[in-house]
PDB file of N, CA and C in Angstrom:
ATOM      1  N   MET A   1      98.145  81.130 102.161  1.00  0.00           N
ATOM      2  CA  MET A   1      97.874  80.091 103.131  1.00  0.00           C
ATOM      3  C   MET A   1      96.400  79.732 103.081  1.00  0.00           C
ATOM      4  N   GLN A   2      96.143  78.495 103.329  1.00  0.00           N
ATOM      5  CA  GLN A   2      94.771  78.026 103.408  1.00  0.00           C
ATOM      6  C   GLN A   2      94.233  78.273 104.820  1.00  0.00           C
ATOM      7  N   ALA A   3      92.924  78.314 104.951  1.00  0.00           N
ATOM      8  CA  ALA A   3      92.305  78.525 106.264  1.00  0.00           C
ATOM      9  C   ALA A   3      92.710  77.416 107.228  1.00  0.00           C
ATOM     10  N   ARG A   4      92.857  76.223 106.717  1.00  0.00           N
ATOM     11  CA  ARG A   4      93.255  75.076 107.543  1.00  0.00           C
ATOM     12  C   ARG A   4      94.615  75.329 108.196  1.00  0.00           C
ATOM     13  N   GLU A   5      95.532  75.936 107.435  1.00  0.00           N
ATOM     14  CA  GLU A   5      96.858  76.229 107.966  1.00  0.00           C
ATOM     15  C   GLU A   5      96.794  77.302 109.051  1.00  0.00           C
ATOM     16  N   PHE A   6      95.911  78.279 108.892  1.00  0.00           N
ATOM     17  CA  PHE A   6      95.739  79.298 109.923  1.00  0.00           C
ATOM     18  C   PHE A   6      95.147  78.687 111.194  1.00  0.00           C
ATOM     19  N   ARG A   7      94.221  77.750 111.042  1.00  0.00           N
ATOM     20  CA  ARG A   7      93.598  77.121 112.206  1.00  0.00           C
ATOM     21  C   ARG A   7      94.586  76.274 113.003  1.00  0.00           C
ATOM     22  N   ASP A   8      95.628  75.785 112.349  1.00  0.00           N
ATOM     23  CA  ASP A   8      96.634  74.972 113.028  1.00  0.00           C
ATOM     24  C   ASP A   8      97.589  75.801 113.870  1.00  0.00           C
ATOM     25  N   LEU A   9      97.584  77.113 113.674  1.00  0.00           N
ATOM     26  CA  LEU A   9      98.480  77.995 114.425  1.00  0.00           C
ATOM     27  C   LEU A   9      97.909  78.289 115.808  1.00  0.00           C
ATOM     28  N   SER A  10      98.800  78.534 116.763  1.00  0.00           N
ATOM     29  CA  SER A  10      98.362  78.933 118.100  1.00  0.00           C
ATOM     30  C   SER A  10      97.919  80.397 118.052  1.00  0.00           C
ATOM     31  N   GLU A  11      97.351  80.875 119.138  1.00  0.00           N
ATOM     32  CA  GLU A  11      96.886  82.265 119.213  1.00  0.00           C
ATOM     33  C   GLU A  11      98.035  83.238 118.942  1.00  0.00           C
ATOM     34  N   GLN A  12      99.172  82.992 119.590  1.00  0.00           N
ATOM     35  CA  GLN A  12     100.320  83.887 119.439  1.00  0.00           C
ATOM     36  C   GLN A  12     100.881  83.823 118.023  1.00  0.00           C
ATOM     37  N   GLU A  13     100.985  82.631 117.466  1.00  0.00           N
ATOM     38  CA  GLU A  13     101.490  82.481 116.101  1.00  0.00           C
ATOM     39  C   GLU A  13     100.561  83.157 115.095  1.00  0.00           C
ATOM     40  N   LEU A  14      99.258  83.039 115.321  1.00  0.00           N
ATOM     41  CA  LEU A  14      98.284  83.672 114.432  1.00  0.00           C
ATOM     42  C   LEU A  14      98.408  85.191 114.486  1.00  0.00           C
ATOM     43  N   ALA A  15      98.563  85.725 115.677  1.00  0.00           N
ATOM     44  CA  ALA A  15      98.723  87.178 115.824  1.00  0.00           C
ATOM     45  C   ALA A  15     100.001  87.656 115.140  1.00  0.00           C
ATOM     46  N   THR A  16     101.074  86.890 115.279  1.00  0.00           N
ATOM     47  CA  THR A  16     102.339  87.238 114.640  1.00  0.00           C
ATOM     48  C   THR A  16     102.207  87.188 113.125  1.00  0.00           C
ATOM     49  N   LYS A  17     101.574  86.147 112.609  1.00  0.00           N
ATOM     50  CA  LYS A  17     101.381  86.004 111.169  1.00  0.00           C
ATOM     51  C   LYS A  17     100.524  87.146 110.623  1.00  0.00           C
ATOM     52  N   LEU A  18      99.481  87.512 111.353  1.00  0.00           N
ATOM     53  CA  LEU A  18      98.618  88.614 110.942  1.00  0.00           C
ATOM     54  C   LEU A  18      99.404  89.918 110.863  1.00  0.00           C
ATOM     55  N   HIS A  19     100.243  90.157 111.854  1.00  0.00           N
ATOM     56  CA  HIS A  19     101.074  91.362 111.863  1.00  0.00           C
ATOM     57  C   HIS A  19     102.024  91.365 110.660  1.00  0.00           C
ATOM     58  N   GLU A  20     102.638  90.219 110.357  1.00  0.00           N
ATOM     59  CA  GLU A  20     103.539  90.112 109.213  1.00  0.00           C
ATOM     60  C   GLU A  20     102.800  90.389 107.904  1.00  0.00           C
ATOM     61  N   LEU A  21     101.591  89.855 107.784  1.00  0.00           N
ATOM     62  CA  LEU A  21     100.797  90.061 106.570  1.00  0.00           C
ATOM     63  C   LEU A  21     100.424  91.532 106.399  1.00  0.00           C
ATOM     64  N   GLN A  22     100.077  92.194 107.500  1.00  0.00           N
ATOM     65  CA  GLN A  22      99.712  93.606 107.428  1.00  0.00           C
ATOM     66  C   GLN A  22     100.919  94.461 107.040  1.00  0.00           C
ATOM     67  N   GLU A  23     102.097  94.112 107.549  1.00  0.00           N
ATOM     68  CA  GLU A  23     103.302  94.836 107.150  1.00  0.00           C
ATOM     69  C   GLU A  23     103.599  94.603 105.677  1.00  0.00           C
ATOM     70  N   SER A  24     103.443  93.371 105.242  1.00  0.00           N
ATOM     71  CA  SER A  24     103.676  93.038 103.844  1.00  0.00           C
ATOM     72  C   SER A  24     102.730  93.819 102.933  1.00  0.00           C
ATOM     73  N   LEU A  25     101.466  93.915 103.320  1.00  0.00           N
ATOM     74  CA  LEU A  25     100.498  94.672 102.537  1.00  0.00           C
ATOM     75  C   LEU A  25     100.896  96.140 102.454  1.00  0.00           C
ATOM     76  N   PHE A  26     101.361  96.687 103.550  1.00  0.00           N
ATOM     77  CA  PHE A  26     101.808  98.078 103.563  1.00  0.00           C
ATOM     78  C   PHE A  26     102.928  98.302 102.549  1.00  0.00           C
ATOM     79  N   HIS A  27     103.920  97.404 102.567  1.00  0.00           N
ATOM     80  CA  HIS A  27     105.051  97.549 101.654  1.00  0.00           C
ATOM     81  C   HIS A  27     104.643  97.316 100.202  1.00  0.00           C
ATOM     82  N   LEU A  28     103.712  96.403  99.973  1.00  0.00           N
ATOM     83  CA  LEU A  28     103.214  96.188  98.613  1.00  0.00           C
ATOM     84  C   LEU A  28     102.503  97.431  98.093  1.00  0.00           C
ATOM     85  N   ARG A  29     101.737  98.086  98.957  1.00  0.00           N
ATOM     86  CA  ARG A  29     101.045  99.305  98.543  1.00  0.00           C
ATOM     87  C   ARG A  29     102.030 100.429  98.232  1.00  0.00           C
ATOM     88  N   LEU A  30     103.097 100.513  99.015  1.00  0.00           N
ATOM     89  CA  LEU A  30     104.118 101.525  98.725  1.00  0.00           C
ATOM     90  C   LEU A  30     104.757 101.261  97.370  1.00  0.00           C
ATOM     91  N   ARG A  31     105.083  99.999  97.097  1.00  0.00           N
ATOM     92  CA  ARG A  31     105.693  99.654  95.817  1.00  0.00           C
ATOM     93  C   ARG A  31     104.741  99.912  94.656  1.00  0.00           C
ATOM     94  N   ARG A  32     103.452  99.649  94.879  1.00  0.00           N
ATOM     95  CA  ARG A  32     102.476  99.912  93.825  1.00  0.00           C
ATOM     96  C   ARG A  32     102.420 101.406  93.518  1.00  0.00           C
ATOM     97  N   GLY A  33     102.501 102.216  94.539  1.00  0.00           N
ATOM     98  CA  GLY A  33     102.460 103.667  94.355  1.00  0.00           C
ATOM     99  C   GLY A  33     103.649 104.203  93.590  1.00  0.00           C
ATOM    100  N   SER A  34     104.789 103.534  93.709  1.00  0.00           N
ATOM    101  CA  SER A  34     105.982 103.998  92.995  1.00  0.00           C
ATOM    102  C   SER A  34     106.221 103.193  91.716  1.00  0.00           C
ATOM    103  N   ASN A  35     105.212 102.427  91.297  1.00  0.00           N
ATOM    104  CA  ASN A  35     105.265 101.629  90.061  1.00  0.00           C
ATOM    105  C   ASN A  35     106.416 100.634  90.033  1.00  0.00           C
ATOM    106  N   ARG A  36     106.759 100.051  91.175  1.00  0.00           N
ATOM    107  CA  ARG A  36     107.805  99.039  91.222  1.00  0.00           C
ATOM    108  C   ARG A  36     107.267  97.691  91.666  1.00  0.00           C
ATOM    109  N   LEU A  37     105.979  97.482  91.521  1.00  0.00           N
ATOM    110  CA  LEU A  37     105.356  96.237  91.940  1.00  0.00           C
ATOM    111  C   LEU A  37     105.440  95.226  90.800  1.00  0.00           C
ATOM    112  N   GLU A  38     106.158  94.112  91.049  1.00  0.00           N
ATOM    113  CA  GLU A  38     106.360  93.111  90.013  1.00  0.00           C
ATOM    114  C   GLU A  38     105.129  92.239  89.802  1.00  0.00           C
ATOM    115  N   ASN A  39     104.450  91.889  90.896  1.00  0.00           N
ATOM    116  CA  ASN A  39     103.324  90.962  90.818  1.00  0.00           C
ATOM    117  C   ASN A  39     102.088  91.596  91.471  1.00  0.00           C
ATOM    118  N   PRO A  40     101.223  92.219  90.683  1.00  0.00           N
ATOM    119  CA  PRO A  40     100.046  92.879  91.247  1.00  0.00           C
ATOM    120  C   PRO A  40      99.088  91.905  91.946  1.00  0.00           C
ATOM    121  N   ALA A  41      99.104  90.649  91.558  1.00  0.00           N
ATOM    122  CA  ALA A  41      98.225  89.665  92.184  1.00  0.00           C
ATOM    123  C   ALA A  41      98.601  89.415  93.644  1.00  0.00           C
ATOM    124  N   GLN A  42      99.831  89.750  94.016  1.00  0.00           N
ATOM    125  CA  GLN A  42     100.270  89.551  95.393  1.00  0.00           C
ATOM    126  C   GLN A  42      99.466  90.418  96.357  1.00  0.00           C
ATOM    127  N   LEU A  43      99.045  91.600  95.923  1.00  0.00           N
ATOM    128  CA  LEU A  43      98.201  92.461  96.762  1.00  0.00           C
ATOM    129  C   LEU A  43      96.910  91.742  97.133  1.00  0.00           C
ATOM    130  N   ARG A  44      96.257  91.173  96.147  1.00  0.00           N
ATOM    131  CA  ARG A  44      94.989  90.487  96.377  1.00  0.00           C
ATOM    132  C   ARG A  44      95.184  89.275  97.287  1.00  0.00           C
ATOM    133  N   LYS A  45      96.243  88.510  97.047  1.00  0.00           N
ATOM    134  CA  LYS A  45      96.517  87.324  97.854  1.00  0.00           C
ATOM    135  C   LYS A  45      96.758  87.708  99.316  1.00  0.00           C
ATOM    136  N   THR A  46      97.511  88.775  99.527  1.00  0.00           N
ATOM    137  CA  THR A  46      97.815  89.225 100.885  1.00  0.00           C
ATOM    138  C   THR A  46      96.558  89.713 101.596  1.00  0.00           C
ATOM    139  N   ARG A  47      95.714  90.473 100.892  1.00  0.00           N
ATOM    140  CA  ARG A  47      94.461  90.939 101.500  1.00  0.00           C
ATOM    141  C   ARG A  47      93.585  89.757 101.901  1.00  0.00           C
ATOM    142  N   ARG A  48      93.511  88.751 101.059  1.00  0.00           N
ATOM    143  CA  ARG A  48      92.681  87.587 101.371  1.00  0.00           C
ATOM    144  C   ARG A  48      93.246  86.800 102.546  1.00  0.00           C
ATOM    145  N   ASP A  49      94.578  86.697 102.625  1.00  0.00           N
ATOM    146  CA  ASP A  49      95.187  86.014 103.765  1.00  0.00           C
ATOM    147  C   ASP A  49      94.898  86.758 105.064  1.00  0.00           C
ATOM    148  N   ILE A  50      94.928  88.086 105.018  1.00  0.00           N
ATOM    149  CA  ILE A  50      94.600  88.885 106.204  1.00  0.00           C
ATOM    150  C   ILE A  50      93.155  88.624 106.612  1.00  0.00           C
ATOM    151  N   ALA A  51      92.261  88.587 105.637  1.00  0.00           N
ATOM    152  CA  ALA A  51      90.845  88.327 105.936  1.00  0.00           C
ATOM    153  C   ALA A  51      90.670  86.945 106.559  1.00  0.00           C
ATOM    154  N   ARG A  52      91.391  85.949 106.054  1.00  0.00           N
ATOM    155  CA  ARG A  52      91.305  84.601 106.623  1.00  0.00           C
ATOM    156  C   ARG A  52      91.776  84.592 108.072  1.00  0.00           C
ATOM    157  N   ALA A  53      92.907  85.253 108.327  1.00  0.00           N
ATOM    158  CA  ALA A  53      93.454  85.294 109.687  1.00  0.00           C
ATOM    159  C   ALA A  53      92.492  86.001 110.640  1.00  0.00           C
ATOM    160  N   LEU A  54      91.904  87.102 110.200  1.00  0.00           N
ATOM    161  CA  LEU A  54      90.948  87.816 111.049  1.00  0.00           C
ATOM    162  C   LEU A  54      89.699  86.987 111.302  1.00  0.00           C
ATOM    163  N   THR A  55      89.272  86.235 110.311  1.00  0.00           N
ATOM    164  CA  THR A  55      88.108  85.366 110.473  1.00  0.00           C
ATOM    165  C   THR A  55      88.385  84.293 111.511  1.00  0.00           C
ATOM    166  N   ILE A  56      89.565  83.691 111.462  1.00  0.00           N
ATOM    167  CA  ILE A  56      89.936  82.649 112.426  1.00  0.00           C
ATOM    168  C   ILE A  56      89.993  83.242 113.832  1.00  0.00           C
ATOM    169  N   GLU A  57      90.562  84.441 113.962  1.00  0.00           N
ATOM    170  CA  GLU A  57      90.602  85.101 115.276  1.00  0.00           C
ATOM    171  C   GLU A  57      89.192  85.330 115.817  1.00  0.00           C
ATOM    172  N   ARG A  58      88.289  85.810 114.953  1.00  0.00           N
ATOM    173  CA  ARG A  58      86.917  86.069 115.382  1.00  0.00           C
ATOM    174  C   ARG A  58      86.219  84.773 115.775  1.00  0.00           C
ATOM    175  N   GLU A  59      86.412  83.718 115.007  1.00  0.00           N
ATOM    176  CA  GLU A  59      85.804  82.429 115.332  1.00  0.00           C
ATOM    177  C   GLU A  59      86.268  81.937 116.691  1.00  0.00           C
ATOM    178  N   ARG A  60      87.553  82.080 116.962  1.00  0.00           N
ATOM    179  CA  ARG A  60      88.085  81.638 118.252  1.00  0.00           C
ATOM    180  C   ARG A  60      87.525  82.482 119.396  1.00  0.00           C
ATOM    181  N   ALA A  61      87.390  83.781 119.169  1.00  0.00           N
ATOM    182  CA  ALA A  61      86.865  84.664 120.208  1.00  0.00           C
ATOM    183  C   ALA A  61      85.409  84.339 120.526  1.00  0.00           C
ATOM    184  N   GLU A  62      84.644  83.960 119.506  1.00  0.00           N
ATOM    185  CA  GLU A  62      83.238  83.649 119.714  1.00  0.00           C
ATOM    186  C   GLU A  62      82.992  82.182 120.052  1.00  0.00           C
ATOM    187  N   GLY A  63      84.053  81.372 120.012  1.00  0.00           N
ATOM    188  CA  GLY A  63      83.911  79.971 120.352  1.00  0.00           C
ATOM    189  C   GLY A  63      83.288  79.120 119.264  1.00  0.00           C
ATOM    190  N   ILE A  64      83.383  79.563 118.031  1.00  0.00           N
ATOM    191  CA  ILE A  64      82.840  78.819 116.906  1.00  0.00           C
ATOM    192  C   ILE A  64      83.843  77.740 116.516  1.00  0.00           C
ATOM    193  N   LYS A  65      83.348  76.531 116.350  1.00  0.00           N
ATOM    194  CA  LYS A  65      84.210  75.402 116.005  1.00  0.00           C
ATOM    195  C   LYS A  65      84.034  75.061 114.539  1.00  0.00           C
ATOM    196  N   ARG A  66      85.099  75.115 113.759  1.00  0.00           N
ATOM    197  CA  ARG A  66      85.081  74.761 112.339  1.00  0.00           C
ATOM    198  C   ARG A  66      86.109  73.673 112.098  1.00  0.00           C
ATOM    199  N   SER A  67      85.890  72.912 111.048  1.00  0.00           N
ATOM    200  CA  SER A  67      86.858  71.858 110.719  1.00  0.00           C
ATOM    201  C   SER A  67      87.704  72.230 109.538  1.00  0.00           C
TER     202      SER A  67
END
């Protein structure tokens, strides 16, 4: 997801999406540990999406306005 798409989400939707991404990362790490991970790039994409979501949450908490 792009940062713009995260910014369009409400507070509750953003929190839900963040939780889903964190669960997904957990399962990807388990699969990597058992050598059943088909797409290793998915780990990196998921980590970056989590970082984007956390950044948007922090911006909203501090009242920073971005376009």
